[in-house]
Amino acid sequence: MNTTKKKENFFQKVYRNRIYLLLVLPGTIFLIIFFYIPVVANLVAFQNFQYSDQGFMYSLFHSPWVGFKNFQFFFKSADFWIILRNTVGYNLAFLVLNFFFAIFNGIVMSQLRNRRTLKVYQTAMLFPYFLSWAVLAYFVYAFLSPDKGIINQIIQATGGKPIDFYNTPSVWPAILIFLGVWKGLGYNSILYFATAMGINPEYYDAAMIDGANKWQQIKNVTLPQIMPVATLMFILNVGGIFRSDFGLFYLVPRMSGSLINVTQTFDTYIYRALTQTNDIGMSTAAGLLQSIVGMTLIVITNLIVRKKQPDSAFF
């Protein structure tokens, strides 16, 4: 009796998996329209883009080609090193602090046994994430306002002189880092919390039988179990080291020109270049540079991780 299964062709496989393909179809269409088709517009980075009344696509393919001049102009600009320092510096701080506090917070939540306390704690941690920076900018101003800000009122009540925060650049790196970590803490810790909650309880039972206290259980059971997930998140976050949260660096400082040396990042620079100088070519070049560097960093970081911990690599 011949039991050999007939090999399916491509169309038969598609028909057999039609339900699953229909489920992913909306997401696929979204990716094609908003992520893959716009890739063509990166040609603007190599052009002296001149918009025509005949439409964007006509302008895209009929603007004069300038090669890498937009990149050269961007690299030679006086703001480049300030932008690079701010973007990389803030992102390194966010990378380290978010990594530490998210893991810490996720483990703390996994150790809470009172369900009501856990829900209150989770809600309190997640609430800031769902507030836009436009809203939070007003809350920050309520604290830092030079006239009636809460902090300045406390300073004056104790006999001190009020501080004009929006004209004092030295205080803003700490403020921006604090706000960035605080807003994303609850969201960033969800994955670690879910991973910690999925650990087999038998591991903890075995550790308790061996006489391990709570800290030893976390050190020898919880942390090793969540490290593969933490490594994947680390790789992805490294890829975003040339990107920044536009709302944090543009809206929260209230677009103050006095603070531009400590708040200017790639994203705010691109926005200002588009709105103030209308230099579409250089703005596109800066955005393309962000993507290329991000992809390169992900590949390099993944290669390093794959050599050290093959099971934790992203690909």
Protein backbone atom coordinates (compact mmCIF):
# COMPACT_ATOMS: atom_id res chain seq x y z
CA MET A 1 0.00 0.00 0.00
CA ASN A 2 1.43 3.39 -1.04
CA THR A 3 1.41 5.75 1.97
CA THR A 4 3.46 8.53 0.36
CA LYS A 5 1.74 11.86 0.78
CA LYS A 6 1.21 13.92 -2.34
CA LYS A 7 3.39 17.00 -2.29
CA GLU A 8 1.37 20.20 -2.15
CA ASN A 9 2.05 23.01 -4.56
CA PHE A 10 2.11 26.68 -3.55
CA PHE A 11 -1.54 27.38 -4.28
CA GLN A 12 -2.70 24.31 -2.36
CA LYS A 13 -0.71 25.45 0.67
CA VAL A 14 -2.25 28.90 0.42
CA TYR A 15 -5.75 27.43 0.23
CA ARG A 16 -5.13 25.11 3.19
CA ASN A 17 -3.90 28.04 5.32
CA ARG A 18 -6.45 30.55 3.98
CA ILE A 19 -7.95 31.29 7.43
CA TYR A 20 -4.56 32.15 8.97
CA LEU A 21 -3.58 34.22 5.93
CA LEU A 22 -6.80 36.20 6.18
CA LEU A 23 -6.02 36.92 9.85
CA VAL A 24 -2.61 38.43 9.01
CA LEU A 25 -3.84 40.19 5.84
CA PRO A 26 -4.84 43.52 7.53
CA GLY A 27 -1.46 43.77 9.28
CA THR A 28 0.35 42.89 6.04
CA ILE A 29 -1.52 45.58 4.10
CA PHE A 30 -0.74 48.10 6.85
CA LEU A 31 3.00 47.27 6.70
CA ILE A 32 3.09 47.51 2.90
CA ILE A 33 1.30 50.87 2.76
CA PHE A 34 2.96 52.62 5.69
CA PHE A 35 6.40 50.97 5.86
CA TYR A 36 7.46 49.46 2.53
CA ILE A 37 5.99 51.84 -0.07
CA PRO A 38 7.41 54.96 1.72
CA VAL A 39 10.91 53.43 1.41
CA VAL A 40 10.93 54.73 -2.18
CA ALA A 41 10.77 58.28 -0.80
CA ASN A 42 14.27 57.83 0.65
CA LEU A 43 15.47 58.88 -2.80
CA VAL A 44 14.84 62.43 -1.59
CA ALA A 45 17.94 62.09 0.62
CA PHE A 46 20.06 62.03 -2.57
CA GLN A 47 18.23 64.84 -4.38
CA ASN A 48 17.79 68.58 -4.36
CA PHE A 49 14.09 67.98 -3.95
CA GLN A 50 11.89 70.50 -5.73
CA TYR A 51 8.16 70.04 -5.35
CA SER A 52 6.11 70.33 -8.53
CA ASP A 53 2.42 71.05 -9.02
CA GLN A 54 2.22 67.73 -10.87
CA GLY A 55 2.44 65.82 -7.60
CA PHE A 56 4.90 64.20 -5.24
CA MET A 57 5.78 61.20 -7.42
CA TYR A 58 6.56 63.44 -10.40
CA SER A 59 8.72 65.64 -8.15
CA LEU A 60 10.46 62.57 -6.72
CA PHE A 61 11.58 61.28 -10.11
CA HIS A 62 12.34 64.65 -11.71
CA SER A 63 14.27 66.47 -8.97
CA PRO A 64 18.01 66.93 -9.66
CA TRP A 65 20.31 64.25 -8.26
CA VAL A 66 22.98 65.54 -5.82
CA GLY A 67 24.38 62.26 -4.47
CA PHE A 68 25.66 62.48 -0.90
CA LYS A 69 25.67 66.29 -0.65
CA ASN A 70 22.73 66.31 1.77
CA PHE A 71 24.63 63.94 4.06
CA GLN A 72 27.80 66.03 3.77
CA PHE A 73 25.90 69.22 4.60
CA PHE A 74 24.30 67.52 7.60
CA PHE A 75 27.63 66.16 8.92
CA LYS A 76 29.36 69.51 8.46
CA SER A 77 26.64 71.53 10.17
CA ALA A 78 27.52 73.13 13.50
CA ASP A 79 24.66 71.28 15.18
CA PHE A 80 25.69 67.75 14.17
CA TRP A 81 27.95 66.95 17.13
CA ILE A 82 25.49 68.47 19.60
CA ILE A 83 22.68 66.38 18.09
CA LEU A 84 24.83 63.24 18.13
CA ARG A 85 25.92 63.81 21.74
CA ASN A 86 22.40 64.44 22.96
CA THR A 87 20.73 61.60 21.06
CA VAL A 88 23.29 58.92 21.94
CA GLY A 89 23.87 60.21 25.48
CA TYR A 90 20.19 60.28 26.44
CA ASN A 91 19.51 56.93 24.81
CA LEU A 92 22.41 55.27 26.63
CA ALA A 93 21.01 56.60 29.90
CA PHE A 94 17.52 55.35 29.00
CA LEU A 95 18.92 51.99 27.89
CA VAL A 96 20.70 51.35 31.18
CA LEU A 97 18.07 52.80 33.53
CA ASN A 98 15.07 51.31 31.74
CA PHE A 99 16.78 47.92 31.62
CA PHE A 100 17.52 47.97 35.35
CA PHE A 101 14.29 49.48 36.66
CA ALA A 102 12.03 47.49 34.31
CA ILE A 103 13.53 44.18 35.45
CA PHE A 104 13.45 45.30 39.09
CA ASN A 105 9.84 46.44 38.83
CA GLY A 106 8.76 43.28 36.99
CA ILE A 107 10.30 41.07 39.67
CA VAL A 108 8.75 43.13 42.47
CA MET A 109 5.29 42.80 40.91
CA SER A 110 5.76 39.04 40.46
CA GLN A 111 6.48 38.71 44.19
CA LEU A 112 3.25 40.43 45.27
CA ARG A 113 0.71 37.87 46.43
CA ASN A 114 -2.19 40.19 47.27
CA ARG A 115 -4.14 40.52 44.01
CA ARG A 116 -5.75 43.84 44.95
CA THR A 117 -2.38 45.37 45.85
CA LEU A 118 -0.95 44.03 42.58
CA LYS A 119 -3.73 45.59 40.50
CA VAL A 120 -3.34 48.96 42.21
CA TYR A 121 0.44 48.82 41.71
CA GLN A 122 0.13 47.85 38.03
CA THR A 123 -2.41 50.60 37.34
CA ALA A 124 -0.28 53.23 39.06
CA MET A 125 2.78 52.15 37.05
CA LEU A 126 0.97 52.00 33.71
CA PHE A 127 -1.05 55.20 33.99
CA PRO A 128 1.74 57.64 32.95
CA TYR A 129 2.40 55.62 29.78
CA PHE A 130 -1.09 56.37 28.45
CA LEU A 131 -0.71 60.12 28.93
CA SER A 132 0.63 62.01 25.92
CA TRP A 133 3.65 64.26 26.24
CA ALA A 134 1.42 67.19 25.30
CA VAL A 135 -0.56 66.62 28.50
CA LEU A 136 2.49 65.86 30.62
CA ALA A 137 4.17 69.04 29.38
CA TYR A 138 1.50 71.05 31.22
CA PHE A 139 2.01 69.01 34.40
CA VAL A 140 5.77 69.63 34.18
CA TYR A 141 5.15 73.34 33.63
CA ALA A 142 2.96 73.41 36.74
CA PHE A 143 6.02 72.28 38.72
CA LEU A 144 8.70 74.29 36.89
CA SER A 145 6.94 77.54 36.04
CA PRO A 146 9.17 80.51 36.98
CA ASP A 147 6.18 82.42 38.39
CA LYS A 148 3.79 80.06 40.12
CA GLY A 149 5.51 76.71 39.77
CA ILE A 150 5.24 74.38 42.76
CA ILE A 151 9.01 73.97 43.07
CA ASN A 152 9.66 77.71 42.94
CA GLN A 153 6.95 78.34 45.51
CA ILE A 154 8.68 75.89 47.85
CA ILE A 155 12.03 77.56 47.19
CA GLN A 156 10.62 81.02 47.92
CA ALA A 157 8.83 79.78 51.03
CA THR A 158 12.19 78.61 52.40
CA GLY A 159 13.88 81.94 51.63
CA GLY A 160 15.54 81.01 48.36
CA LYS A 161 15.49 82.66 44.95
CA PRO A 162 13.21 81.23 42.24
CA ILE A 163 14.85 79.38 39.35
CA ASP A 164 13.96 80.09 35.74
CA PHE A 165 14.03 76.43 34.71
CA TYR A 166 13.17 77.09 31.07
CA ASN A 167 16.29 79.23 30.70
CA THR A 168 18.60 76.99 32.77
CA PRO A 169 20.02 74.24 30.50
CA SER A 170 22.07 72.51 33.22
CA VAL A 171 19.01 71.07 35.01
CA TRP A 172 17.32 69.59 31.96
CA PRO A 173 19.36 66.44 31.31
CA ALA A 174 18.34 65.09 34.73
CA ILE A 175 14.71 66.22 34.22
CA LEU A 176 14.40 64.60 30.79
CA ILE A 177 16.02 61.34 31.88
CA PHE A 178 13.77 61.14 34.94
CA LEU A 179 10.61 61.80 32.90
CA GLY A 180 11.58 59.33 30.18
CA VAL A 181 12.24 56.51 32.66
CA TRP A 182 9.19 57.35 34.81
CA LYS A 183 6.73 57.42 31.90
CA GLY A 184 7.83 54.12 30.37
CA LEU A 185 8.51 52.18 33.56
CA GLY A 186 5.17 50.41 33.83
CA TYR A 187 5.01 49.46 30.15
CA ASN A 188 8.62 48.29 29.97
CA SER A 189 8.22 46.05 33.01
CA ILE A 190 5.12 44.19 31.74
CA LEU A 191 7.10 41.70 29.68
CA TYR A 192 9.45 40.88 32.56
CA PHE A 193 6.50 40.56 34.93
CA ALA A 194 4.74 38.15 32.56
CA THR A 195 7.93 36.12 32.12
CA ALA A 196 8.51 35.93 35.87
CA MET A 197 4.90 34.85 36.45
CA GLY A 198 5.35 32.06 33.89
CA ILE A 199 8.25 30.43 35.72
CA ASN A 200 7.47 26.92 36.90
CA PRO A 201 6.73 27.07 40.69
CA GLU A 202 8.64 23.82 41.12
CA TYR A 203 11.90 25.74 40.67
CA TYR A 204 11.07 27.90 43.67
CA ASP A 205 9.96 24.85 45.68
CA ALA A 206 13.28 23.17 44.98
CA ALA A 207 15.17 26.32 45.96
CA MET A 208 13.21 26.57 49.21
CA ILE A 209 13.97 22.95 50.03
CA ASP A 210 17.66 23.76 49.57
CA GLY A 211 17.26 26.57 52.09
CA ALA A 212 17.32 29.53 49.67
CA ASN A 213 15.91 32.78 51.00
CA LYS A 214 13.89 35.22 48.89
CA TRP A 215 16.91 37.06 47.47
CA GLN A 216 18.64 33.78 46.60
CA GLN A 217 15.48 32.59 44.82
CA ILE A 218 15.40 35.76 42.75
CA LYS A 219 19.12 35.56 42.00
CA ASN A 220 19.27 31.86 41.10
CA VAL A 221 15.78 31.23 39.68
CA THR A 222 14.00 34.40 38.54
CA LEU A 223 16.88 36.30 36.94
CA PRO A 224 18.25 33.37 34.86
CA GLN A 225 14.72 32.65 33.58
CA ILE A 226 14.02 36.20 32.42
CA MET A 227 17.47 36.93 30.97
CA PRO A 228 16.69 35.52 27.47
CA VAL A 229 13.75 37.93 27.19
CA ALA A 230 15.85 40.75 28.63
CA THR A 231 18.55 40.05 26.03
CA LEU A 232 16.06 40.24 23.16
CA MET A 233 14.71 43.55 24.46
CA PHE A 234 18.25 44.86 24.86
CA ILE A 235 19.04 44.06 21.22
CA LEU A 236 15.91 45.87 20.02
CA ASN A 237 16.55 48.89 22.24
CA VAL A 238 20.12 49.21 20.97
CA GLY A 239 18.66 49.58 17.48
CA GLY A 240 16.82 52.71 18.59
CA ILE A 241 19.86 54.47 20.01
CA PHE A 242 19.77 57.07 17.20
CA ARG A 243 16.08 57.78 17.74
CA SER A 244 14.39 59.80 20.44
CA ASP A 245 10.94 60.50 21.81
CA PHE A 246 9.89 63.63 19.94
CA GLY A 247 7.31 64.71 22.52
CA LEU A 248 9.76 64.44 25.41
CA PHE A 249 12.46 66.56 23.79
CA TYR A 250 10.24 69.06 21.95
CA LEU A 251 7.04 69.57 23.93
CA VAL A 252 8.20 69.18 27.53
CA PRO A 253 10.92 71.91 27.29
CA ARG A 254 8.25 74.07 25.60
CA MET A 255 10.45 74.57 22.52
CA SER A 256 12.67 76.92 24.48
CA GLY A 257 15.55 78.23 22.37
CA SER A 258 17.71 78.61 25.48
CA LEU A 259 17.61 74.83 26.01
CA ILE A 260 18.36 73.75 22.47
CA ASN A 261 21.91 72.61 23.28
CA VAL A 262 20.59 70.00 25.73
CA THR A 263 17.25 69.14 24.08
CA GLN A 264 18.12 68.99 20.37
CA THR A 265 18.08 65.39 19.07
CA PHE A 266 17.84 63.87 15.61
CA ASP A 267 14.04 63.82 15.67
CA THR A 268 13.61 67.41 16.82
CA TYR A 269 16.30 68.52 14.36
CA ILE A 270 14.47 66.84 11.46
CA TYR A 271 11.22 68.51 12.48
CA ARG A 272 12.82 71.95 12.78
CA ALA A 273 14.61 71.50 9.46
CA LEU A 274 11.30 70.74 7.77
CA THR A 275 9.26 73.50 9.40
CA GLN A 276 11.83 76.30 9.56
CA THR A 277 14.21 75.79 6.61
CA ASN A 278 12.02 73.53 4.43
CA ASP A 279 15.12 71.48 3.67
CA ILE A 280 13.44 68.20 2.76
CA GLY A 281 16.59 66.61 1.34
CA MET A 282 18.71 67.06 4.46
CA SER A 283 15.82 66.04 6.74
CA THR A 284 15.37 62.83 4.76
CA ALA A 285 19.12 62.20 4.88
CA ALA A 286 19.08 62.50 8.67
CA GLY A 287 16.12 60.13 8.94
CA LEU A 288 17.74 57.61 6.61
CA LEU A 289 20.94 57.79 8.64
CA GLN A 290 18.93 56.92 11.77
CA SER A 291 17.51 53.82 10.11
CA ILE A 292 20.84 52.62 8.70
CA VAL A 293 22.67 53.06 12.00
CA GLY A 294 19.81 51.40 13.91
CA MET A 295 19.80 48.36 11.62
CA THR A 296 23.59 48.10 11.78
CA LEU A 297 23.62 48.23 15.57
CA ILE A 298 20.93 45.53 15.80
CA VAL A 299 22.92 43.21 13.51
CA ILE A 300 26.20 43.79 15.37
CA THR A 301 24.62 43.40 18.82
CA ASN A 302 22.83 40.24 17.70
CA LEU A 303 26.08 38.75 16.37
CA ILE A 304 27.80 39.42 19.70
CA VAL A 305 24.92 37.88 21.66
CA ARG A 306 24.78 34.87 19.31
CA LYS A 307 28.44 34.10 20.01
CA LYS A 308 27.98 34.35 23.77
CA GLN A 309 24.41 33.02 24.20
CA PRO A 310 23.09 31.45 20.97
CA ASP A 311 19.65 30.74 22.46
CA SER A 312 19.13 34.41 23.37
CA ALA A 313 19.95 35.83 19.93
CA PHE A 314 17.22 37.58 17.98
CA PHE A 315 18.08 35.83 14.69
